[in-house]
Amino acid sequence: MTMSQRVKIENVITLSDDWYVLKKTTFSFLRADGTWQRQSRETYDRGNGATILLYDLQRRTVVLTRQFRYPAFVNGHEDLLIEAPAGLLDNARPEERIKAEVEEETGYRISDVRQIFDAFMSPGSVTERLHFFVAAYTPHDRVSDGGGNIEEGEDIERLEPTIEEALEMIEDGRIRDGKTIMLLQYAALQIFGK
């Protein structure tokens, strides 16, 4: 039996359609014991996205960003958030969108990216599927200052720590972003660990 056969959507109400879309859905779910259970969930649809970790094996460096994130701020984070470059797909292919996003945020123009996996980052409430990429870079790949898109409210700083420094930043709490932690752990094991 498919999951589509186990879910009967009964009602969908749009609660907000401002920055992204928040919906409340009432549905019946066919449980493993064969009974139908009525449930209600709110889902936040912000579209799918992509993230990338640039790495330089020779210098053992990675490229990260620092920017203000209001949701982290209202949850007690009193600093800029350190992250891997990322962005929404906006109906583009993940590979093409991440190339444009990394150049916009960091100033590095990358031609060869490799997708390593995709993941649902908060599947209890957010619909987003995030595509994870890695790419090698050199100092010669930098074509601009980056900094993000001013019209979107971005004011992005670029960081270039060694992989060891980045892992220390996870350990001491300076890096708290889930996608960035996943990419750095992958890099430590699969790229720099070899």
C-alpha atoms as a PDB file:
ATOM      1  CA  MET A   1       0.000   0.000   0.000  1.00  0.00           C
ATOM      2  CA  THR A   2       1.333   3.424  -0.922  1.00  0.00           C
ATOM      3  CA  MET A   3       1.420   6.385   1.457  1.00  0.00           C
ATOM      4  CA  SER A   4      -1.081   8.156  -0.827  1.00  0.00           C
ATOM      5  CA  GLN A   5      -3.541   5.330  -0.102  1.00  0.00           C
ATOM      6  CA  ARG A   6      -3.050   5.802   3.651  1.00  0.00           C
ATOM      7  CA  VAL A   7      -3.788   9.568   3.704  1.00  0.00           C
ATOM      8  CA  LYS A   8      -7.217  11.109   3.009  1.00  0.00           C
ATOM      9  CA  ILE A   9      -7.085  14.917   3.007  1.00  0.00           C
ATOM     10  CA  GLU A  10     -10.330  16.356   4.346  1.00  0.00           C
ATOM     11  CA  ASN A  11      -9.728  20.105   4.621  1.00  0.00           C
ATOM     12  CA  VAL A  12      -6.949  22.622   3.899  1.00  0.00           C
ATOM     13  CA  ILE A  13      -6.971  26.197   5.236  1.00  0.00           C
ATOM     14  CA  THR A  14      -4.340  28.769   4.297  1.00  0.00           C
ATOM     15  CA  LEU A  15      -3.365  30.559   7.516  1.00  0.00           C
ATOM     16  CA  SER A  16      -0.759  32.860   5.969  1.00  0.00           C
ATOM     17  CA  ASP A  17       0.499  33.600   2.471  1.00  0.00           C
ATOM     18  CA  ASP A  18       2.930  36.415   3.153  1.00  0.00           C
ATOM     19  CA  TRP A  19       6.640  35.567   3.173  1.00  0.00           C
ATOM     20  CA  TYR A  20       5.923  31.844   2.607  1.00  0.00           C
ATOM     21  CA  VAL A  21       2.756  29.722   2.905  1.00  0.00           C
ATOM     22  CA  LEU A  22       1.416  28.364   6.191  1.00  0.00           C
ATOM     23  CA  LYS A  23      -1.460  25.874   5.902  1.00  0.00           C
ATOM     24  CA  LYS A  24      -3.551  23.886   8.360  1.00  0.00           C
ATOM     25  CA  THR A  25      -4.627  20.505   7.012  1.00  0.00           C
ATOM     26  CA  THR A  26      -7.107  18.051   8.503  1.00  0.00           C
ATOM     27  CA  PHE A  27      -6.703  14.499   7.227  1.00  0.00           C
ATOM     28  CA  SER A  28      -7.325  10.876   8.110  1.00  0.00           C
ATOM     29  CA  PHE A  29      -4.358   8.538   8.357  1.00  0.00           C
ATOM     30  CA  LEU A  30      -4.589   4.730   8.056  1.00  0.00           C
ATOM     31  CA  ARG A  31      -2.613   3.411  11.017  1.00  0.00           C
ATOM     32  CA  ALA A  32      -0.589   0.187  10.948  1.00  0.00           C
ATOM     33  CA  ASP A  33      -3.374  -1.570  12.913  1.00  0.00           C
ATOM     34  CA  GLY A  34      -5.882  -0.843  10.110  1.00  0.00           C
ATOM     35  CA  THR A  35      -7.823   1.938  11.845  1.00  0.00           C
ATOM     36  CA  TRP A  36      -8.291   5.457  10.481  1.00  0.00           C
ATOM     37  CA  GLN A  37      -7.229   8.303  12.759  1.00  0.00           C
ATOM     38  CA  ARG A  38      -8.207  11.920  12.154  1.00  0.00           C
ATOM     39  CA  GLN A  39      -5.305  14.353  12.554  1.00  0.00           C
ATOM     40  CA  SER A  40      -4.554  18.026  12.011  1.00  0.00           C
ATOM     41  CA  ARG A  41      -1.164  19.519  11.110  1.00  0.00           C
ATOM     42  CA  GLU A  42       0.230  22.905  10.157  1.00  0.00           C
ATOM     43  CA  THR A  43       2.801  22.917   7.368  1.00  0.00           C
ATOM     44  CA  TYR A  44       5.103  25.743   6.402  1.00  0.00           C
ATOM     45  CA  ASP A  45       5.922  25.701   2.683  1.00  0.00           C
ATOM     46  CA  ARG A  46       8.921  27.827   1.796  1.00  0.00           C
ATOM     47  CA  GLY A  47       9.963  25.839  -1.288  1.00  0.00           C
ATOM     48  CA  ASN A  48      12.924  23.516  -1.695  1.00  0.00           C
ATOM     49  CA  GLY A  49      16.508  24.686  -1.370  1.00  0.00           C
ATOM     50  CA  ALA A  50      20.167  23.896  -1.856  1.00  0.00           C
ATOM     51  CA  THR A  51      23.311  24.360   0.211  1.00  0.00           C
ATOM     52  CA  ILE A  52      26.998  23.930  -0.558  1.00  0.00           C
ATOM     53  CA  LEU A  53      30.358  23.622   1.133  1.00  0.00           C
ATOM     54  CA  LEU A  54      33.312  24.929  -0.845  1.00  0.00           C
ATOM     55  CA  TYR A  55      36.612  23.294   0.102  1.00  0.00           C
ATOM     56  CA  ASP A  56      40.280  23.727  -0.772  1.00  0.00           C
ATOM     57  CA  LEU A  57      42.179  20.502  -0.116  1.00  0.00           C
ATOM     58  CA  GLN A  58      45.606  22.070  -0.507  1.00  0.00           C
ATOM     59  CA  ARG A  59      45.004  24.838   2.040  1.00  0.00           C
ATOM     60  CA  ARG A  60      42.515  22.714   4.085  1.00  0.00           C
ATOM     61  CA  THR A  61      39.997  25.584   4.065  1.00  0.00           C
ATOM     62  CA  VAL A  62      36.236  25.866   3.635  1.00  0.00           C
ATOM     63  CA  VAL A  63      34.014  28.832   2.784  1.00  0.00           C
ATOM     64  CA  LEU A  64      31.256  29.807   5.208  1.00  0.00           C
ATOM     65  CA  THR A  65      29.044  32.866   5.634  1.00  0.00           C
ATOM     66  CA  ARG A  66      27.829  34.990   8.555  1.00  0.00           C
ATOM     67  CA  GLN A  67      24.490  36.772   8.486  1.00  0.00           C
ATOM     68  CA  PHE A  68      21.590  37.915  10.636  1.00  0.00           C
ATOM     69  CA  ARG A  69      18.773  35.378  10.989  1.00  0.00           C
ATOM     70  CA  TYR A  70      15.698  36.768  12.704  1.00  0.00           C
ATOM     71  CA  PRO A  71      14.200  33.364  13.743  1.00  0.00           C
ATOM     72  CA  ALA A  72      17.496  32.441  15.467  1.00  0.00           C
ATOM     73  CA  PHE A  73      17.609  35.879  17.112  1.00  0.00           C
ATOM     74  CA  VAL A  74      14.110  35.597  18.613  1.00  0.00           C
ATOM     75  CA  ASN A  75      15.095  32.162  19.937  1.00  0.00           C
ATOM     76  CA  GLY A  76      17.985  33.626  21.935  1.00  0.00           C
ATOM     77  CA  HIS A  77      20.894  33.616  19.442  1.00  0.00           C
ATOM     78  CA  GLU A  78      22.655  36.942  20.095  1.00  0.00           C
ATOM     79  CA  ASP A  79      25.095  36.818  17.174  1.00  0.00           C
ATOM     80  CA  LEU A  80      25.196  36.507  13.416  1.00  0.00           C
ATOM     81  CA  LEU A  81      24.633  32.907  12.305  1.00  0.00           C
ATOM     82  CA  ILE A  82      27.550  31.078  10.671  1.00  0.00           C
ATOM     83  CA  GLU A  83      26.332  28.971   7.769  1.00  0.00           C
ATOM     84  CA  ALA A  84      27.203  27.254   4.537  1.00  0.00           C
ATOM     85  CA  PRO A  85      25.924  29.236   1.532  1.00  0.00           C
ATOM     86  CA  ALA A  86      22.333  28.267   0.719  1.00  0.00           C
ATOM     87  CA  GLY A  87      19.194  29.442  -0.994  1.00  0.00           C
ATOM     88  CA  LEU A  88      15.784  28.499  -2.311  1.00  0.00           C
ATOM     89  CA  LEU A  89      15.529  26.867  -5.733  1.00  0.00           C
ATOM     90  CA  ASP A  90      12.875  29.251  -7.084  1.00  0.00           C
ATOM     91  CA  ASN A  91      11.921  26.716  -9.800  1.00  0.00           C
ATOM     92  CA  ALA A  92      15.545  26.238 -10.949  1.00  0.00           C
ATOM     93  CA  ARG A  93      17.487  22.976 -10.995  1.00  0.00           C
ATOM     94  CA  PRO A  94      19.397  22.506  -7.704  1.00  0.00           C
ATOM     95  CA  GLU A  95      22.816  22.451  -9.432  1.00  0.00           C
ATOM     96  CA  GLU A  96      22.219  25.682 -11.300  1.00  0.00           C
ATOM     97  CA  ARG A  97      20.643  27.487  -8.358  1.00  0.00           C
ATOM     98  CA  ILE A  98      23.458  26.644  -5.937  1.00  0.00           C
ATOM     99  CA  LYS A  99      26.096  27.911  -8.386  1.00  0.00           C
ATOM    100  CA  ALA A 100      24.297  31.257  -8.610  1.00  0.00           C
ATOM    101  CA  GLU A 101      23.689  31.409  -4.858  1.00  0.00           C
ATOM    102  CA  VAL A 102      27.295  30.694  -3.870  1.00  0.00           C
ATOM    103  CA  GLU A 103      28.546  33.420  -6.216  1.00  0.00           C
ATOM    104  CA  GLU A 104      25.962  35.912  -4.922  1.00  0.00           C
ATOM    105  CA  GLU A 105      26.811  35.197  -1.270  1.00  0.00           C
ATOM    106  CA  THR A 106      30.577  34.558  -1.378  1.00  0.00           C
ATOM    107  CA  GLY A 107      31.886  35.922  -4.674  1.00  0.00           C
ATOM    108  CA  TYR A 108      33.238  32.532  -5.789  1.00  0.00           C
ATOM    109  CA  ARG A 109      32.256  31.283  -9.267  1.00  0.00           C
ATOM    110  CA  ILE A 110      32.175  27.498  -9.253  1.00  0.00           C
ATOM    111  CA  SER A 111      31.544  25.376 -12.346  1.00  0.00           C
ATOM    112  CA  ASP A 112      31.722  21.817 -10.992  1.00  0.00           C
ATOM    113  CA  VAL A 113      29.438  20.946  -8.079  1.00  0.00           C
ATOM    114  CA  ARG A 114      28.661  17.494  -6.690  1.00  0.00           C
ATOM    115  CA  GLN A 115      25.417  16.625  -4.914  1.00  0.00           C
ATOM    116  CA  ILE A 116      26.078  14.364  -1.937  1.00  0.00           C
ATOM    117  CA  PHE A 117      22.530  13.868  -0.578  1.00  0.00           C
ATOM    118  CA  ASP A 118      19.226  15.603   0.092  1.00  0.00           C
ATOM    119  CA  ALA A 119      17.313  15.798   3.362  1.00  0.00           C
ATOM    120  CA  PHE A 120      14.164  17.092   5.010  1.00  0.00           C
ATOM    121  CA  MET A 121      15.500  19.443   7.680  1.00  0.00           C
ATOM    122  CA  SER A 122      12.421  19.832   9.889  1.00  0.00           C
ATOM    123  CA  PRO A 123       9.854  17.300   8.576  1.00  0.00           C
ATOM    124  CA  GLY A 124       7.423  17.754  11.472  1.00  0.00           C
ATOM    125  CA  SER A 125       6.343  21.154  10.169  1.00  0.00           C
ATOM    126  CA  VAL A 126       8.384  22.397   7.178  1.00  0.00           C
ATOM    127  CA  THR A 127       7.942  20.953   3.670  1.00  0.00           C
ATOM    128  CA  GLU A 128      11.413  21.957   2.415  1.00  0.00           C
ATOM    129  CA  ARG A 129      13.756  19.360   0.919  1.00  0.00           C
ATOM    130  CA  LEU A 130      17.345  20.613   0.979  1.00  0.00           C
ATOM    131  CA  HIS A 131      19.887  19.475  -1.653  1.00  0.00           C
ATOM    132  CA  PHE A 132      23.448  19.271  -0.270  1.00  0.00           C
ATOM    133  CA  PHE A 133      26.459  19.962  -2.510  1.00  0.00           C
ATOM    134  CA  VAL A 134      30.234  20.166  -2.218  1.00  0.00           C
ATOM    135  CA  ALA A 135      32.708  21.757  -4.626  1.00  0.00           C
ATOM    136  CA  ALA A 136      36.426  22.381  -4.746  1.00  0.00           C
ATOM    137  CA  TYR A 137      37.542  25.992  -5.026  1.00  0.00           C
ATOM    138  CA  THR A 138      40.754  27.991  -5.258  1.00  0.00           C
ATOM    139  CA  PRO A 139      41.458  31.668  -4.481  1.00  0.00           C
ATOM    140  CA  HIS A 140      41.399  32.267  -8.275  1.00  0.00           C
ATOM    141  CA  ASP A 141      37.680  31.349  -8.397  1.00  0.00           C
ATOM    142  CA  ARG A 142      36.738  34.547  -6.568  1.00  0.00           C
ATOM    143  CA  VAL A 143      35.179  37.003  -9.035  1.00  0.00           C
ATOM    144  CA  SER A 144      33.468  39.485  -6.680  1.00  0.00           C
ATOM    145  CA  ASP A 145      33.034  40.464  -3.040  1.00  0.00           C
ATOM    146  CA  GLY A 146      29.752  38.563  -2.706  1.00  0.00           C
ATOM    147  CA  GLY A 147      27.669  39.792   0.219  1.00  0.00           C
ATOM    148  CA  GLY A 148      24.226  38.660  -0.904  1.00  0.00           C
ATOM    149  CA  ASN A 149      21.238  40.406  -2.409  1.00  0.00           C
ATOM    150  CA  ILE A 150      20.500  43.782  -0.788  1.00  0.00           C
ATOM    151  CA  GLU A 151      16.891  43.734  -2.102  1.00  0.00           C
ATOM    152  CA  GLU A 152      16.314  40.511  -0.117  1.00  0.00           C
ATOM    153  CA  GLY A 153      17.746  42.110   3.030  1.00  0.00           C
ATOM    154  CA  GLU A 154      20.990  40.137   2.871  1.00  0.00           C
ATOM    155  CA  ASP A 155      24.170  41.524   4.442  1.00  0.00           C
ATOM    156  CA  ILE A 156      26.504  38.526   4.264  1.00  0.00           C
ATOM    157  CA  GLU A 157      30.097  38.214   5.462  1.00  0.00           C
ATOM    158  CA  ARG A 158      32.413  35.540   4.053  1.00  0.00           C
ATOM    159  CA  LEU A 159      34.594  33.373   6.332  1.00  0.00           C
ATOM    160  CA  GLU A 160      37.406  31.047   5.266  1.00  0.00           C
ATOM    161  CA  PRO A 161      38.425  28.857   8.218  1.00  0.00           C
ATOM    162  CA  THR A 162      40.446  25.676   8.013  1.00  0.00           C
ATOM    163  CA  ILE A 163      38.415  22.499   8.392  1.00  0.00           C
ATOM    164  CA  GLU A 164      39.929  22.080  11.852  1.00  0.00           C
ATOM    165  CA  GLU A 165      38.857  25.597  12.873  1.00  0.00           C
ATOM    166  CA  ALA A 166      35.356  25.002  11.504  1.00  0.00           C
ATOM    167  CA  LEU A 167      35.011  21.772  13.499  1.00  0.00           C
ATOM    168  CA  GLU A 168      36.151  23.633  16.637  1.00  0.00           C
ATOM    169  CA  MET A 169      33.451  26.218  15.919  1.00  0.00           C
ATOM    170  CA  ILE A 170      30.851  23.440  16.055  1.00  0.00           C
ATOM    171  CA  GLU A 171      32.298  22.134  19.300  1.00  0.00           C
ATOM    172  CA  ASP A 172      32.369  25.509  21.058  1.00  0.00           C
ATOM    173  CA  GLY A 173      28.910  26.556  19.813  1.00  0.00           C
ATOM    174  CA  ARG A 174      29.846  29.257  17.314  1.00  0.00           C
ATOM    175  CA  ILE A 175      28.321  27.129  14.517  1.00  0.00           C
ATOM    176  CA  ARG A 176      24.752  26.098  15.337  1.00  0.00           C
ATOM    177  CA  ASP A 177      23.202  25.760  11.893  1.00  0.00           C
ATOM    178  CA  GLY A 178      22.141  22.167  11.139  1.00  0.00           C
ATOM    179  CA  LYS A 179      22.901  22.105   7.410  1.00  0.00           C
ATOM    180  CA  THR A 180      26.361  23.550   8.031  1.00  0.00           C
ATOM    181  CA  ILE A 181      27.151  20.995  10.729  1.00  0.00           C
ATOM    182  CA  MET A 182      26.071  18.195   8.372  1.00  0.00           C
ATOM    183  CA  LEU A 183      28.270  19.499   5.546  1.00  0.00           C
ATOM    184  CA  LEU A 184      31.309  20.012   7.798  1.00  0.00           C
ATOM    185  CA  GLN A 185      30.977  16.539   9.301  1.00  0.00           C
ATOM    186  CA  TYR A 186      30.702  15.082   5.784  1.00  0.00           C
ATOM    187  CA  ALA A 187      33.796  17.022   4.704  1.00  0.00           C
ATOM    188  CA  ALA A 188      35.768  15.928   7.754  1.00  0.00           C
ATOM    189  CA  LEU A 189      34.987  12.262   7.049  1.00  0.00           C
ATOM    190  CA  GLN A 190      34.758  12.055   3.261  1.00  0.00           C
ATOM    191  CA  ILE A 191      36.927  14.879   1.887  1.00  0.00           C
ATOM    192  CA  PHE A 192      39.621  15.893   4.337  1.00  0.00           C
ATOM    193  CA  GLY A 193      39.793  12.552   6.158  1.00  0.00           C
ATOM    194  CA  LYS A 194      41.119  10.708   3.124  1.00  0.00           C
END
